[in-house]
Amino acid sequence: MGITTEASPFDTIIFDLDDTLYPASTRIGELVKKNIDLFLIEKCGFSQSKASFLRVELFKTYGSTLAGLRALGYDISAEDYHGFVHGRLPYDLIMPDIQLRNLLQSIKQRKIIFTNSDEIHALRALDRLGIRYCFEKIICFETINPNLPNSTRPDEFPVVLKPSREAFKIALQAANVDPRRTLFLDDSTRNVAAGKEMGLYTVLVGNRVKSEGADYVVEYVNNIGKVIPEIWGKEMEGGDERMTRSKSEVESVLATAAVGA
């Protein structure tokens, strides 16, 4: 009786983008915060000393600075906000990652991006990484806020973002997935906890210690092959072959290129 593989428990893998598919060490997240502070100063008239404090408080209360400003009555379009905050980022800080591309190509399940960022930013970041075409779909700010461009006043359609239940409901419907057979990776402990509440299997990225609601934890997304080999199925004795990759084949793929090469 030969050695075959047991089918993977996952039909779909959903990935966050920023600080998940590329590490926080790129400083992109840090520069986004700096640009938000500048937006508050230059576009909204806040003092430099108040901008950083306000950014943090709006994030805690509303989920993002944009959501908070619109809830407070500031007539700011998402396009203008994202154009200012993301449009001036030095995307060349994000380096192509051949190992990540090989890893993603070895995963035969559906692969989907779910990010709070706007589509332009998502595409630029994915292009820099060299993995844009590894994904079937990008669920982004525009996907989960389809009515925002039609608003006649700032508070008419509240901005929806992870980790809200509404954002996850919209995303899961757009992705057309069964949460019980879907793996969700994110660097935010709040997003991971929310994903778990929605019935997803969850992975906390960028840490060494599991947070509440995390089924797995990986310090770098490239490590998922070692931490979650069941993505590719599990070797077992007997039966018919039902998967295309074994654990040894995955490890071979990961060994073919250096990180960030």
C-alpha atoms as a PDB file:
ATOM      1  CA  MET A   1       0.000   0.000   0.000  1.00  0.00           C
ATOM      2  CA  GLY A   2       1.569   3.308  -1.108  1.00  0.00           C
ATOM      3  CA  ILE A   3       2.016   6.697   0.544  1.00  0.00           C
ATOM      4  CA  THR A   4      -0.547   9.283  -0.608  1.00  0.00           C
ATOM      5  CA  THR A   5      -1.792  12.632   0.683  1.00  0.00           C
ATOM      6  CA  GLU A   6      -4.861  13.699   2.614  1.00  0.00           C
ATOM      7  CA  ALA A   7      -6.778  16.637   1.133  1.00  0.00           C
ATOM      8  CA  SER A   8      -6.127  20.081   2.611  1.00  0.00           C
ATOM      9  CA  PRO A   9      -8.772  21.470   5.002  1.00  0.00           C
ATOM     10  CA  PHE A  10      -8.577  24.821   3.181  1.00  0.00           C
ATOM     11  CA  ASP A  11     -10.237  25.767  -0.112  1.00  0.00           C
ATOM     12  CA  THR A  12      -9.215  29.445   0.010  1.00  0.00           C
ATOM     13  CA  ILE A  13      -6.367  31.479   1.534  1.00  0.00           C
ATOM     14  CA  ILE A  14      -7.120  35.162   2.270  1.00  0.00           C
ATOM     15  CA  PHE A  15      -4.131  37.454   2.819  1.00  0.00           C
ATOM     16  CA  ASP A  16      -3.927  40.920   4.304  1.00  0.00           C
ATOM     17  CA  LEU A  17      -1.444  43.118   2.415  1.00  0.00           C
ATOM     18  CA  ASP A  18       0.455  45.739   4.403  1.00  0.00           C
ATOM     19  CA  ASP A  19       2.872  44.400   7.034  1.00  0.00           C
ATOM     20  CA  THR A  20       1.715  40.893   6.105  1.00  0.00           C
ATOM     21  CA  LEU A  21       2.918  40.165   2.566  1.00  0.00           C
ATOM     22  CA  TYR A  22       5.836  42.520   3.114  1.00  0.00           C
ATOM     23  CA  PRO A  23       7.391  43.156   6.559  1.00  0.00           C
ATOM     24  CA  ALA A  24       7.054  46.239   8.745  1.00  0.00           C
ATOM     25  CA  SER A  25      10.810  46.734   8.332  1.00  0.00           C
ATOM     26  CA  THR A  26      10.137  48.332   4.924  1.00  0.00           C
ATOM     27  CA  ARG A  27       8.947  51.385   6.937  1.00  0.00           C
ATOM     28  CA  ILE A  28       5.931  51.832   4.631  1.00  0.00           C
ATOM     29  CA  GLY A  29       3.553  51.721   7.600  1.00  0.00           C
ATOM     30  CA  GLU A  30       5.636  54.294   9.453  1.00  0.00           C
ATOM     31  CA  LEU A  31       5.600  56.600   6.426  1.00  0.00           C
ATOM     32  CA  VAL A  32       1.827  56.185   6.020  1.00  0.00           C
ATOM     33  CA  LYS A  33       1.394  57.482   9.589  1.00  0.00           C
ATOM     34  CA  LYS A  34       3.668  60.427   8.800  1.00  0.00           C
ATOM     35  CA  ASN A  35       1.597  61.257   5.707  1.00  0.00           C
ATOM     36  CA  ILE A  36      -1.638  61.050   7.703  1.00  0.00           C
ATOM     37  CA  ASP A  37      -0.204  63.563  10.172  1.00  0.00           C
ATOM     38  CA  LEU A  38       0.680  65.854   7.258  1.00  0.00           C
ATOM     39  CA  PHE A  39      -2.845  65.464   5.870  1.00  0.00           C
ATOM     40  CA  LEU A  40      -4.319  66.541   9.196  1.00  0.00           C
ATOM     41  CA  ILE A  41      -2.002  69.544   9.261  1.00  0.00           C
ATOM     42  CA  GLU A  42      -2.165  70.672   5.617  1.00  0.00           C
ATOM     43  CA  LYS A  43      -5.724  69.700   4.674  1.00  0.00           C
ATOM     44  CA  CYS A  44      -7.610  69.971   7.966  1.00  0.00           C
ATOM     45  CA  GLY A  45      -5.729  72.761   9.726  1.00  0.00           C
ATOM     46  CA  PHE A  46      -4.660  70.900  12.854  1.00  0.00           C
ATOM     47  CA  SER A  47      -1.462  71.871  14.629  1.00  0.00           C
ATOM     48  CA  GLN A  48       1.591  69.657  14.330  1.00  0.00           C
ATOM     49  CA  SER A  49       1.467  68.912  18.052  1.00  0.00           C
ATOM     50  CA  LYS A  50      -2.145  67.705  17.817  1.00  0.00           C
ATOM     51  CA  ALA A  51      -2.002  65.763  14.542  1.00  0.00           C
ATOM     52  CA  SER A  52      -0.323  62.580  15.809  1.00  0.00           C
ATOM     53  CA  PHE A  53      -2.535  62.430  18.888  1.00  0.00           C
ATOM     54  CA  LEU A  54      -5.659  62.899  16.784  1.00  0.00           C
ATOM     55  CA  ARG A  55      -4.567  60.217  14.300  1.00  0.00           C
ATOM     56  CA  VAL A  56      -4.222  57.669  17.107  1.00  0.00           C
ATOM     57  CA  GLU A  57      -7.530  58.623  18.724  1.00  0.00           C
ATOM     58  CA  LEU A  58      -9.462  58.495  15.439  1.00  0.00           C
ATOM     59  CA  PHE A  59      -7.982  55.083  14.696  1.00  0.00           C
ATOM     60  CA  LYS A  60      -8.976  53.753  18.121  1.00  0.00           C
ATOM     61  CA  THR A  61     -12.499  55.147  17.900  1.00  0.00           C
ATOM     62  CA  TYR A  62     -13.412  54.841  14.221  1.00  0.00           C
ATOM     63  CA  GLY A  63     -10.926  52.373  12.713  1.00  0.00           C
ATOM     64  CA  SER A  64      -9.077  54.934  10.587  1.00  0.00           C
ATOM     65  CA  THR A  65      -8.363  58.645  10.331  1.00  0.00           C
ATOM     66  CA  LEU A  66     -10.531  58.951   7.218  1.00  0.00           C
ATOM     67  CA  ALA A  67     -13.468  57.221   8.914  1.00  0.00           C
ATOM     68  CA  GLY A  68     -13.109  59.476  11.945  1.00  0.00           C
ATOM     69  CA  LEU A  69     -12.860  62.701   9.982  1.00  0.00           C
ATOM     70  CA  ARG A  70     -15.955  61.893   7.918  1.00  0.00           C
ATOM     71  CA  ALA A  71     -17.878  60.860  11.038  1.00  0.00           C
ATOM     72  CA  LEU A  72     -16.983  64.234  12.557  1.00  0.00           C
ATOM     73  CA  GLY A  73     -18.360  66.046   9.504  1.00  0.00           C
ATOM     74  CA  TYR A  74     -15.237  66.720   7.442  1.00  0.00           C
ATOM     75  CA  ASP A  75     -16.173  66.518   3.758  1.00  0.00           C
ATOM     76  CA  ILE A  76     -13.110  64.575   2.621  1.00  0.00           C
ATOM     77  CA  SER A  77     -13.251  62.170  -0.304  1.00  0.00           C
ATOM     78  CA  ALA A  78     -11.551  58.797  -0.080  1.00  0.00           C
ATOM     79  CA  GLU A  79      -9.763  59.522  -3.363  1.00  0.00           C
ATOM     80  CA  ASP A  80      -8.195  62.733  -2.038  1.00  0.00           C
ATOM     81  CA  TYR A  81      -7.246  61.107   1.253  1.00  0.00           C
ATOM     82  CA  HIS A  82      -5.664  58.010  -0.278  1.00  0.00           C
ATOM     83  CA  GLY A  83      -3.988  60.065  -2.986  1.00  0.00           C
ATOM     84  CA  PHE A  84      -2.279  62.157  -0.314  1.00  0.00           C
ATOM     85  CA  VAL A  85      -1.486  59.370   2.164  1.00  0.00           C
ATOM     86  CA  HIS A  86      -0.441  56.654  -0.293  1.00  0.00           C
ATOM     87  CA  GLY A  87       0.361  58.643  -3.417  1.00  0.00           C
ATOM     88  CA  ARG A  88       3.623  60.022  -2.059  1.00  0.00           C
ATOM     89  CA  LEU A  89       4.972  56.762  -0.633  1.00  0.00           C
ATOM     90  CA  PRO A  90       8.418  55.550  -1.783  1.00  0.00           C
ATOM     91  CA  TYR A  91       7.272  52.191  -3.132  1.00  0.00           C
ATOM     92  CA  ASP A  92      10.820  51.277  -4.085  1.00  0.00           C
ATOM     93  CA  LEU A  93      11.289  50.394  -0.400  1.00  0.00           C
ATOM     94  CA  ILE A  94       9.240  47.259  -1.149  1.00  0.00           C
ATOM     95  CA  MET A  95      11.585  44.779  -2.785  1.00  0.00           C
ATOM     96  CA  PRO A  96      10.622  41.909  -5.130  1.00  0.00           C
ATOM     97  CA  ASP A  97      10.274  38.671  -3.170  1.00  0.00           C
ATOM     98  CA  ILE A  98      10.948  35.627  -5.337  1.00  0.00           C
ATOM     99  CA  GLN A  99      10.608  33.198  -2.445  1.00  0.00           C
ATOM    100  CA  LEU A 100       7.156  34.564  -1.626  1.00  0.00           C
ATOM    101  CA  ARG A 101       6.131  34.309  -5.275  1.00  0.00           C
ATOM    102  CA  ASN A 102       7.284  30.689  -5.415  1.00  0.00           C
ATOM    103  CA  LEU A 103       5.423  29.948  -2.200  1.00  0.00           C
ATOM    104  CA  LEU A 104       2.196  31.492  -3.505  1.00  0.00           C
ATOM    105  CA  GLN A 105       2.501  29.645  -6.802  1.00  0.00           C
ATOM    106  CA  SER A 106       2.863  26.373  -4.913  1.00  0.00           C
ATOM    107  CA  ILE A 107      -0.503  26.963  -3.210  1.00  0.00           C
ATOM    108  CA  LYS A 108      -3.165  25.580  -5.524  1.00  0.00           C
ATOM    109  CA  GLN A 109      -6.148  26.892  -3.585  1.00  0.00           C
ATOM    110  CA  ARG A 110      -7.830  30.202  -4.381  1.00  0.00           C
ATOM    111  CA  LYS A 111      -5.750  33.124  -3.104  1.00  0.00           C
ATOM    112  CA  ILE A 112      -7.393  36.479  -2.312  1.00  0.00           C
ATOM    113  CA  ILE A 113      -6.196  39.831  -0.931  1.00  0.00           C
ATOM    114  CA  PHE A 114      -8.324  41.529   1.752  1.00  0.00           C
ATOM    115  CA  THR A 115      -6.965  44.978   2.658  1.00  0.00           C
ATOM    116  CA  ASN A 116      -8.302  48.225   4.088  1.00  0.00           C
ATOM    117  CA  SER A 117      -6.087  50.088   1.611  1.00  0.00           C
ATOM    118  CA  ASP A 118      -7.323  51.490  -1.687  1.00  0.00           C
ATOM    119  CA  GLU A 119      -6.894  49.558  -4.916  1.00  0.00           C
ATOM    120  CA  ILE A 120      -4.165  51.779  -6.372  1.00  0.00           C
ATOM    121  CA  HIS A 121      -1.963  51.249  -3.318  1.00  0.00           C
ATOM    122  CA  ALA A 122      -2.658  47.516  -3.294  1.00  0.00           C
ATOM    123  CA  LEU A 123      -1.672  47.116  -6.941  1.00  0.00           C
ATOM    124  CA  ARG A 124       1.500  49.172  -6.531  1.00  0.00           C
ATOM    125  CA  ALA A 125       2.619  47.149  -3.524  1.00  0.00           C
ATOM    126  CA  LEU A 126       1.820  43.815  -5.190  1.00  0.00           C
ATOM    127  CA  ASP A 127       3.643  44.884  -8.349  1.00  0.00           C
ATOM    128  CA  ARG A 128       6.728  45.812  -6.334  1.00  0.00           C
ATOM    129  CA  LEU A 129       6.657  42.403  -4.646  1.00  0.00           C
ATOM    130  CA  GLY A 130       6.211  40.735  -8.028  1.00  0.00           C
ATOM    131  CA  ILE A 131       3.119  38.794  -6.916  1.00  0.00           C
ATOM    132  CA  ARG A 132       0.178  40.718  -8.393  1.00  0.00           C
ATOM    133  CA  TYR A 133      -0.899  37.862 -10.641  1.00  0.00           C
ATOM    134  CA  CYS A 134      -0.712  35.254  -7.887  1.00  0.00           C
ATOM    135  CA  PHE A 135      -4.133  36.375  -6.631  1.00  0.00           C
ATOM    136  CA  GLU A 136      -7.585  35.744  -8.028  1.00  0.00           C
ATOM    137  CA  LYS A 137      -9.180  38.810  -6.449  1.00  0.00           C
ATOM    138  CA  ILE A 138      -8.341  41.982  -4.507  1.00  0.00           C
ATOM    139  CA  ILE A 139     -10.907  43.004  -1.903  1.00  0.00           C
ATOM    140  CA  CYS A 140      -9.986  46.540  -0.916  1.00  0.00           C
ATOM    141  CA  PHE A 141     -11.361  49.847   0.400  1.00  0.00           C
ATOM    142  CA  GLU A 142     -13.523  50.378  -2.677  1.00  0.00           C
ATOM    143  CA  THR A 143     -14.991  46.861  -2.405  1.00  0.00           C
ATOM    144  CA  ILE A 144     -16.163  47.279   1.177  1.00  0.00           C
ATOM    145  CA  ASN A 145     -17.275  50.916   0.718  1.00  0.00           C
ATOM    146  CA  PRO A 146     -19.162  50.833  -2.605  1.00  0.00           C
ATOM    147  CA  ASN A 147     -21.647  53.574  -1.682  1.00  0.00           C
ATOM    148  CA  LEU A 148     -19.135  56.135  -0.433  1.00  0.00           C
ATOM    149  CA  PRO A 149     -18.731  57.980  -3.783  1.00  0.00           C
ATOM    150  CA  ASN A 150     -22.521  58.558  -3.842  1.00  0.00           C
ATOM    151  CA  SER A 151     -22.727  60.194  -0.412  1.00  0.00           C
ATOM    152  CA  THR A 152     -24.249  63.679  -0.223  1.00  0.00           C
ATOM    153  CA  ARG A 153     -22.870  64.381   3.262  1.00  0.00           C
ATOM    154  CA  PRO A 154     -19.828  63.012   5.121  1.00  0.00           C
ATOM    155  CA  ASP A 155     -21.764  60.957   7.660  1.00  0.00           C
ATOM    156  CA  GLU A 156     -24.297  59.478   5.225  1.00  0.00           C
ATOM    157  CA  PHE A 157     -22.328  56.270   4.622  1.00  0.00           C
ATOM    158  CA  PRO A 158     -19.934  55.496   7.503  1.00  0.00           C
ATOM    159  CA  VAL A 159     -16.567  54.158   6.340  1.00  0.00           C
ATOM    160  CA  VAL A 160     -16.409  50.367   6.747  1.00  0.00           C
ATOM    161  CA  LEU A 161     -13.053  48.726   7.510  1.00  0.00           C
ATOM    162  CA  LYS A 162     -11.527  45.689   9.181  1.00  0.00           C
ATOM    163  CA  PRO A 163     -11.965  44.682  11.966  1.00  0.00           C
ATOM    164  CA  SER A 164     -15.687  45.505  11.772  1.00  0.00           C
ATOM    165  CA  ARG A 165     -18.096  42.617  11.326  1.00  0.00           C
ATOM    166  CA  GLU A 166     -19.688  44.450   8.392  1.00  0.00           C
ATOM    167  CA  ALA A 167     -16.355  44.632   6.533  1.00  0.00           C
ATOM    168  CA  PHE A 168     -15.817  40.902   6.962  1.00  0.00           C
ATOM    169  CA  LYS A 169     -19.373  40.107   5.861  1.00  0.00           C
ATOM    170  CA  ILE A 170     -18.920  42.131   2.665  1.00  0.00           C
ATOM    171  CA  ALA A 171     -15.501  40.601   2.000  1.00  0.00           C
ATOM    172  CA  LEU A 172     -16.607  37.007   2.525  1.00  0.00           C
ATOM    173  CA  GLN A 173     -19.605  37.546   0.283  1.00  0.00           C
ATOM    174  CA  ALA A 174     -17.412  39.143  -2.408  1.00  0.00           C
ATOM    175  CA  ALA A 175     -14.940  36.258  -2.137  1.00  0.00           C
ATOM    176  CA  ASN A 176     -17.754  33.664  -2.176  1.00  0.00           C
ATOM    177  CA  VAL A 177     -16.056  31.428   0.382  1.00  0.00           C
ATOM    178  CA  ASP A 178     -17.009  29.048   3.149  1.00  0.00           C
ATOM    179  CA  PRO A 179     -15.349  30.502   6.280  1.00  0.00           C
ATOM    180  CA  ARG A 180     -15.004  26.993   7.730  1.00  0.00           C
ATOM    181  CA  ARG A 181     -12.646  26.092   4.865  1.00  0.00           C
ATOM    182  CA  THR A 182     -10.817  29.421   4.604  1.00  0.00           C
ATOM    183  CA  LEU A 183      -7.463  30.449   6.085  1.00  0.00           C
ATOM    184  CA  PHE A 184      -7.048  34.174   6.894  1.00  0.00           C
ATOM    185  CA  LEU A 185      -3.645  35.830   7.458  1.00  0.00           C
ATOM    186  CA  ASP A 186      -3.249  39.294   9.004  1.00  0.00           C
ATOM    187  CA  ASP A 187      -0.701  41.193  11.112  1.00  0.00           C
ATOM    188  CA  SER A 188      -3.370  42.897  13.255  1.00  0.00           C
ATOM    189  CA  THR A 189      -4.474  41.133  16.435  1.00  0.00           C
ATOM    190  CA  ARG A 190      -7.839  42.907  16.192  1.00  0.00           C
ATOM    191  CA  ASN A 191      -8.371  41.713  12.623  1.00  0.00           C
ATOM    192  CA  VAL A 192      -7.348  38.168  13.510  1.00  0.00           C
ATOM    193  CA  ALA A 193      -9.779  38.095  16.441  1.00  0.00           C
ATOM    194  CA  ALA A 194     -12.564  39.447  14.212  1.00  0.00           C
ATOM    195  CA  GLY A 195     -11.800  36.877  11.532  1.00  0.00           C
ATOM    196  CA  LYS A 196     -12.014  34.092  14.095  1.00  0.00           C
ATOM    197  CA  GLU A 197     -15.426  35.366  15.213  1.00  0.00           C
ATOM    198  CA  MET A 198     -16.566  35.088  11.591  1.00  0.00           C
ATOM    199  CA  GLY A 199     -15.609  31.408  11.539  1.00  0.00           C
ATOM    200  CA  LEU A 200     -12.289  31.691   9.662  1.00  0.00           C
ATOM    201  CA  TYR A 201      -9.115  29.790  10.466  1.00  0.00           C
ATOM    202  CA  THR A 202      -6.647  32.523  11.411  1.00  0.00           C
ATOM    203  CA  VAL A 203      -2.916  33.236  11.223  1.00  0.00           C
ATOM    204  CA  LEU A 204      -1.241  36.103  13.086  1.00  0.00           C
ATOM    205  CA  VAL A 205       1.694  37.333  10.981  1.00  0.00           C
ATOM    206  CA  GLY A 206       4.717  39.243  12.261  1.00  0.00           C
ATOM    207  CA  ASN A 207       4.760  37.832  15.776  1.00  0.00           C
ATOM    208  CA  ARG A 208       6.098  34.886  17.740  1.00  0.00           C
ATOM    209  CA  VAL A 209       3.261  34.606  20.249  1.00  0.00           C
ATOM    210  CA  LYS A 210      -0.344  33.749  19.429  1.00  0.00           C
ATOM    211  CA  SER A 211      -2.961  36.396  20.125  1.00  0.00           C
ATOM    212  CA  GLU A 212      -6.561  35.741  21.091  1.00  0.00           C
ATOM    213  CA  GLY A 213      -8.357  34.165  18.155  1.00  0.00           C
ATOM    214  CA  ALA A 214      -5.205  33.085  16.318  1.00  0.00           C
ATOM    215  CA  ASP A 215      -5.011  29.434  15.293  1.00  0.00           C
ATOM    216  CA  TYR A 216      -1.422  29.857  14.071  1.00  0.00           C
ATOM    217  CA  VAL A 217       1.356  32.420  14.387  1.00  0.00           C
ATOM    218  CA  VAL A 218       4.232  33.084  11.952  1.00  0.00           C
ATOM    219  CA  GLU A 219       6.942  35.688  12.245  1.00  0.00           C
ATOM    220  CA  TYR A 220       7.162  36.010   8.443  1.00  0.00           C
ATOM    221  CA  VAL A 221       4.562  35.033   5.859  1.00  0.00           C
ATOM    222  CA  ASN A 222       7.226  33.000   4.028  1.00  0.00           C
ATOM    223  CA  ASN A 223       7.242  30.615   7.009  1.00  0.00           C
ATOM    224  CA  ILE A 224       3.691  29.351   6.530  1.00  0.00           C
ATOM    225  CA  GLY A 225       4.952  26.297   4.638  1.00  0.00           C
ATOM    226  CA  LYS A 226       6.714  25.093   7.789  1.00  0.00           C
ATOM    227  CA  VAL A 227       4.040  26.143  10.276  1.00  0.00           C
ATOM    228  CA  ILE A 228       0.919  25.144   8.289  1.00  0.00           C
ATOM    229  CA  PRO A 229       1.937  22.271   5.969  1.00  0.00           C
ATOM    230  CA  GLU A 230      -1.687  21.111   5.888  1.00  0.00           C
ATOM    231  CA  ILE A 231      -2.300  23.817   3.291  1.00  0.00           C
ATOM    232  CA  TRP A 232      -0.719  21.344   0.862  1.00  0.00           C
ATOM    233  CA  GLY A 233      -2.252  18.256   2.447  1.00  0.00           C
ATOM    234  CA  LYS A 234      -0.751  15.641   4.730  1.00  0.00           C
ATOM    235  CA  GLU A 235       1.006  12.417   3.812  1.00  0.00           C
ATOM    236  CA  MET A 236      -0.762   9.247   4.879  1.00  0.00           C
ATOM    237  CA  GLU A 237      -0.614   5.552   4.037  1.00  0.00           C
ATOM    238  CA  GLY A 238      -3.110   4.039   1.613  1.00  0.00           C
ATOM    239  CA  GLY A 239      -5.886   5.518  -0.500  1.00  0.00           C
ATOM    240  CA  ASP A 240      -5.784   7.432  -3.765  1.00  0.00           C
ATOM    241  CA  GLU A 241      -3.666  10.507  -4.341  1.00  0.00           C
ATOM    242  CA  ARG A 242      -5.782  13.647  -3.979  1.00  0.00           C
ATOM    243  CA  MET A 243      -3.230  16.475  -3.672  1.00  0.00           C
ATOM    244  CA  THR A 244      -0.511  17.704  -6.017  1.00  0.00           C
ATOM    245  CA  ARG A 245       2.083  18.745  -3.411  1.00  0.00           C
ATOM    246  CA  SER A 246       3.662  16.893  -0.500  1.00  0.00           C
ATOM    247  CA  LYS A 247       5.409  18.593   2.416  1.00  0.00           C
ATOM    248  CA  SER A 248       8.804  17.649   0.982  1.00  0.00           C
ATOM    249  CA  GLU A 249       7.910  19.247  -2.359  1.00  0.00           C
ATOM    250  CA  VAL A 250       6.868  22.467  -0.604  1.00  0.00           C
ATOM    251  CA  GLU A 251      10.148  22.600   1.304  1.00  0.00           C
ATOM    252  CA  SER A 252      11.940  22.130  -2.010  1.00  0.00           C
ATOM    253  CA  VAL A 253      10.076  25.108  -3.484  1.00  0.00           C
ATOM    254  CA  LEU A 254      10.983  27.284  -0.521  1.00  0.00           C
ATOM    255  CA  ALA A 255      14.632  26.401  -0.926  1.00  0.00           C
ATOM    256  CA  THR A 256      14.823  27.610  -4.516  1.00  0.00           C
ATOM    257  CA  ALA A 257      15.225  31.326  -3.802  1.00  0.00           C
ATOM    258  CA  ALA A 258      16.415  33.671  -1.094  1.00  0.00           C
ATOM    259  CA  VAL A 259      14.061  36.031   0.707  1.00  0.00           C
ATOM    260  CA  GLY A 260      13.753  39.363  -1.053  1.00  0.00           C
ATOM    261  CA  ALA A 261      15.946  38.251  -3.953  1.00  0.00           C
END
